Amino acid sequence: METTPPLPATGGPRPDIHAEQDSSNAHAHRLRLYGALDKVCVPLAAADVQAVFQLAELDCVTVHAVIDWLNTARTLPPLPRPK
């Protein structure tokens, strides 16, 4: 598995990365989405990884809304199980 170089916390892509490499907002969105899913201990199936890639292509506002939902869900008590 390839490791991803750390992205800067603010600002645009690092100047030492070629434009044709995956240094876009989508890459940063994927990292943030994976981090949010990891915080709530969601194991990812292959379809989940595809969903993360598709979500990461959306605009910043939408991606941050999804991350906020995940963070909020982490703080909610679990739903009762049906009997």
N, C-alpha and C. Protein backbone atom coordinates (compact mmCIF):
# COMPACT_ATOMS: atom_id res chain seq x y z
N MET A 1 0.85 -1.17 0.00
CA MET A 1 0.00 0.00 0.00
C MET A 1 0.89 1.23 0.00
N GLU A 2 0.55 2.19 -0.85
CA GLU A 2 1.33 3.42 -0.92
C GLU A 2 0.95 4.34 0.23
N THR A 3 1.92 5.05 0.73
CA THR A 3 1.62 6.04 1.75
C THR A 3 1.43 7.39 1.09
N THR A 4 0.56 8.17 1.64
CA THR A 4 0.27 9.49 1.10
C THR A 4 1.10 10.52 1.85
N PRO A 5 1.81 11.39 1.14
CA PRO A 5 2.56 12.43 1.84
C PRO A 5 1.61 13.36 2.57
N PRO A 6 2.02 13.91 3.70
CA PRO A 6 1.13 14.79 4.44
C PRO A 6 0.80 16.04 3.64
N LEU A 7 -0.46 16.46 3.76
CA LEU A 7 -0.89 17.68 3.09
C LEU A 7 -0.77 18.84 4.05
N PRO A 8 -0.53 20.04 3.55
CA PRO A 8 -0.50 21.19 4.44
C PRO A 8 -1.87 21.43 5.04
N ALA A 9 -1.90 21.95 6.26
CA ALA A 9 -3.18 22.19 6.95
C ALA A 9 -3.96 23.30 6.26
N THR A 10 -3.26 24.26 5.70
CA THR A 10 -3.92 25.36 4.98
C THR A 10 -3.19 25.60 3.69
N GLY A 11 -3.81 26.35 2.82
CA GLY A 11 -3.15 26.71 1.57
C GLY A 11 -3.42 25.70 0.48
N GLY A 12 -2.84 25.92 -0.66
CA GLY A 12 -3.05 25.07 -1.82
C GLY A 12 -2.12 23.88 -1.83
N PRO A 13 -2.07 23.20 -2.96
CA PRO A 13 -1.21 22.03 -3.07
C PRO A 13 0.27 22.41 -2.95
N ARG A 14 1.05 21.46 -2.48
CA ARG A 14 2.48 21.72 -2.35
C ARG A 14 3.09 21.92 -3.72
N PRO A 15 4.05 22.84 -3.86
CA PRO A 15 4.64 23.09 -5.18
C PRO A 15 5.50 21.95 -5.68
N ASP A 16 5.93 21.04 -4.80
CA ASP A 16 6.80 19.94 -5.23
C ASP A 16 6.03 18.75 -5.79
N ILE A 17 4.69 18.84 -5.84
CA ILE A 17 3.88 17.76 -6.40
C ILE A 17 3.46 18.18 -7.80
N HIS A 18 3.59 17.26 -8.75
CA HIS A 18 3.20 17.58 -10.12
C HIS A 18 1.70 17.72 -10.22
N ALA A 19 1.25 18.58 -11.10
CA ALA A 19 -0.18 18.87 -11.25
C ALA A 19 -0.95 17.63 -11.69
N GLU A 20 -0.30 16.74 -12.46
CA GLU A 20 -1.02 15.57 -12.95
C GLU A 20 -1.22 14.51 -11.88
N GLN A 21 -0.51 14.62 -10.77
CA GLN A 21 -0.74 13.70 -9.67
C GLN A 21 -1.99 14.11 -8.93
N ASP A 22 -2.47 13.23 -8.08
CA ASP A 22 -3.73 13.47 -7.39
C ASP A 22 -3.51 14.37 -6.18
N SER A 23 -3.29 15.66 -6.42
CA SER A 23 -3.08 16.62 -5.34
C SER A 23 -4.23 17.60 -5.25
N SER A 24 -5.34 17.23 -5.84
CA SER A 24 -6.49 18.12 -5.93
C SER A 24 -7.24 18.19 -4.61
N ASN A 25 -8.28 19.01 -4.61
CA ASN A 25 -9.17 19.07 -3.46
C ASN A 25 -9.79 17.71 -3.17
N ALA A 26 -10.05 16.92 -4.21
CA ALA A 26 -10.66 15.61 -4.02
C ALA A 26 -9.77 14.73 -3.14
N HIS A 27 -8.47 14.81 -3.34
CA HIS A 27 -7.55 14.02 -2.52
C HIS A 27 -7.63 14.44 -1.05
N ALA A 28 -7.63 15.74 -0.82
CA ALA A 28 -7.75 16.24 0.55
C ALA A 28 -9.10 15.86 1.14
N HIS A 29 -10.16 15.92 0.34
CA HIS A 29 -11.48 15.53 0.81
C HIS A 29 -11.50 14.06 1.21
N ARG A 30 -10.87 13.20 0.38
CA ARG A 30 -10.82 11.77 0.71
C ARG A 30 -10.12 11.56 2.05
N LEU A 31 -9.01 12.24 2.26
CA LEU A 31 -8.29 12.08 3.52
C LEU A 31 -9.15 12.51 4.70
N ARG A 32 -9.86 13.61 4.55
CA ARG A 32 -10.73 14.09 5.64
C ARG A 32 -11.90 13.14 5.87
N LEU A 33 -12.48 12.62 4.79
CA LEU A 33 -13.59 11.67 4.93
C LEU A 33 -13.12 10.38 5.59
N TYR A 34 -11.96 9.85 5.16
CA TYR A 34 -11.42 8.65 5.80
C TYR A 34 -11.16 8.89 7.28
N GLY A 35 -10.62 10.07 7.61
CA GLY A 35 -10.36 10.40 9.01
C GLY A 35 -11.63 10.45 9.83
N ALA A 36 -12.69 11.05 9.27
CA ALA A 36 -13.96 11.13 9.99
C ALA A 36 -14.56 9.74 10.16
N LEU A 37 -14.48 8.90 9.14
CA LEU A 37 -15.00 7.55 9.25
C LEU A 37 -14.19 6.73 10.25
N ASP A 38 -12.91 6.96 10.28
CA ASP A 38 -12.04 6.25 11.23
C ASP A 38 -12.39 6.63 12.66
N LYS A 39 -12.70 7.92 12.90
CA LYS A 39 -13.05 8.37 14.25
C LYS A 39 -14.31 7.69 14.77
N VAL A 40 -15.24 7.37 13.88
CA VAL A 40 -16.48 6.71 14.31
C VAL A 40 -16.38 5.20 14.15
N CYS A 41 -15.18 4.71 13.86
CA CYS A 41 -14.91 3.26 13.77
C CYS A 41 -15.79 2.56 12.76
N VAL A 42 -15.91 3.13 11.59
CA VAL A 42 -16.69 2.52 10.52
C VAL A 42 -15.75 1.69 9.65
N PRO A 43 -15.92 0.35 9.65
CA PRO A 43 -15.11 -0.47 8.74
C PRO A 43 -15.60 -0.26 7.31
N LEU A 44 -14.68 -0.12 6.38
CA LEU A 44 -15.04 0.20 5.01
C LEU A 44 -15.00 -1.04 4.12
N ALA A 45 -16.11 -1.28 3.45
CA ALA A 45 -16.18 -2.31 2.42
C ALA A 45 -15.77 -1.66 1.10
N ALA A 46 -15.63 -2.47 0.06
CA ALA A 46 -15.23 -1.94 -1.26
C ALA A 46 -16.21 -0.88 -1.75
N ALA A 47 -17.50 -1.10 -1.56
CA ALA A 47 -18.50 -0.13 -2.00
C ALA A 47 -18.37 1.17 -1.21
N ASP A 48 -17.97 1.09 0.06
CA ASP A 48 -17.78 2.30 0.87
C ASP A 48 -16.62 3.13 0.34
N VAL A 49 -15.56 2.47 -0.07
CA VAL A 49 -14.40 3.18 -0.63
C VAL A 49 -14.81 3.90 -1.90
N GLN A 50 -15.61 3.24 -2.74
CA GLN A 50 -16.11 3.89 -3.96
C GLN A 50 -16.97 5.10 -3.60
N ALA A 51 -17.78 4.98 -2.57
CA ALA A 51 -18.63 6.10 -2.14
C ALA A 51 -17.77 7.26 -1.66
N VAL A 52 -16.69 6.97 -0.92
CA VAL A 52 -15.79 8.03 -0.45
C VAL A 52 -15.18 8.75 -1.64
N PHE A 53 -14.75 8.01 -2.66
CA PHE A 53 -14.17 8.63 -3.85
C PHE A 53 -15.19 9.53 -4.54
N GLN A 54 -16.45 9.09 -4.62
CA GLN A 54 -17.47 9.91 -5.27
C GLN A 54 -17.82 11.12 -4.43
N LEU A 55 -17.94 10.94 -3.12
CA LEU A 55 -18.21 12.08 -2.23
C LEU A 55 -17.09 13.12 -2.31
N ALA A 56 -15.85 12.64 -2.40
CA ALA A 56 -14.69 13.54 -2.41
C ALA A 56 -14.68 14.44 -3.64
N GLU A 57 -15.38 14.07 -4.68
CA GLU A 57 -15.44 14.89 -5.89
C GLU A 57 -16.40 16.07 -5.73
N LEU A 58 -17.23 16.05 -4.68
CA LEU A 58 -18.21 17.12 -4.49
C LEU A 58 -17.53 18.37 -3.96
N ASP A 59 -18.29 19.46 -3.90
CA ASP A 59 -17.74 20.73 -3.44
C ASP A 59 -17.41 20.69 -1.95
N CYS A 60 -16.60 21.64 -1.51
CA CYS A 60 -16.12 21.69 -0.12
C CYS A 60 -17.26 21.75 0.89
N VAL A 61 -18.28 22.54 0.61
CA VAL A 61 -19.40 22.70 1.54
C VAL A 61 -20.09 21.36 1.77
N THR A 62 -20.31 20.61 0.71
CA THR A 62 -20.99 19.31 0.82
C THR A 62 -20.13 18.31 1.58
N VAL A 63 -18.86 18.25 1.26
CA VAL A 63 -17.95 17.31 1.94
C VAL A 63 -17.88 17.64 3.43
N HIS A 64 -17.78 18.91 3.77
CA HIS A 64 -17.72 19.28 5.18
C HIS A 64 -19.03 18.99 5.89
N ALA A 65 -20.15 19.10 5.18
CA ALA A 65 -21.45 18.75 5.78
C ALA A 65 -21.48 17.26 6.12
N VAL A 66 -20.99 16.42 5.22
CA VAL A 66 -20.95 14.98 5.49
C VAL A 66 -20.04 14.69 6.68
N ILE A 67 -18.89 15.34 6.74
CA ILE A 67 -17.97 15.14 7.86
C ILE A 67 -18.63 15.60 9.17
N ASP A 68 -19.34 16.72 9.13
CA ASP A 68 -20.05 17.18 10.32
C ASP A 68 -21.11 16.17 10.75
N TRP A 69 -21.82 15.58 9.80
CA TRP A 69 -22.82 14.56 10.13
C TRP A 69 -22.16 13.37 10.82
N LEU A 70 -21.01 12.95 10.30
CA LEU A 70 -20.31 11.82 10.91
C LEU A 70 -19.86 12.17 12.33
N ASN A 71 -19.33 13.36 12.50
CA ASN A 71 -18.88 13.77 13.84
C ASN A 71 -20.05 13.88 14.80
N THR A 72 -21.20 14.37 14.33
CA THR A 72 -22.38 14.45 15.17
C THR A 72 -22.89 13.06 15.53
N ALA A 73 -22.90 12.18 14.57
CA ALA A 73 -23.35 10.81 14.81
C ALA A 73 -22.50 10.13 15.87
N ARG A 74 -21.24 10.49 15.92
CA ARG A 74 -20.33 9.90 16.91
C ARG A 74 -20.74 10.28 18.33
N THR A 75 -21.35 11.43 18.50
CA THR A 75 -21.70 11.91 19.83
C THR A 75 -23.10 11.49 20.27
N LEU A 76 -23.91 10.95 19.36
CA LEU A 76 -25.27 10.55 19.69
C LEU A 76 -25.28 9.18 20.36
N PRO A 77 -26.24 8.94 21.26
CA PRO A 77 -26.34 7.61 21.84
C PRO A 77 -26.81 6.63 20.78
N PRO A 78 -26.43 5.36 20.89
CA PRO A 78 -26.85 4.39 19.88
C PRO A 78 -28.37 4.20 19.90
N LEU A 79 -28.93 3.92 18.74
CA LEU A 79 -30.36 3.68 18.63
C LEU A 79 -30.69 2.32 19.24
N PRO A 80 -31.87 2.19 19.85
CA PRO A 80 -32.25 0.88 20.39
C PRO A 80 -32.46 -0.12 19.26
N ARG A 81 -32.10 -1.34 19.52
CA ARG A 81 -32.26 -2.39 18.53
C ARG A 81 -33.70 -2.90 18.55
N PRO A 82 -34.25 -3.19 17.39
CA PRO A 82 -35.61 -3.76 17.36
C PRO A 82 -35.61 -5.14 17.98
N LYS A 83 -36.70 -5.44 18.65
CA LYS A 83 -36.79 -6.76 19.31
C LYS A 83 -37.40 -7.79 18.41
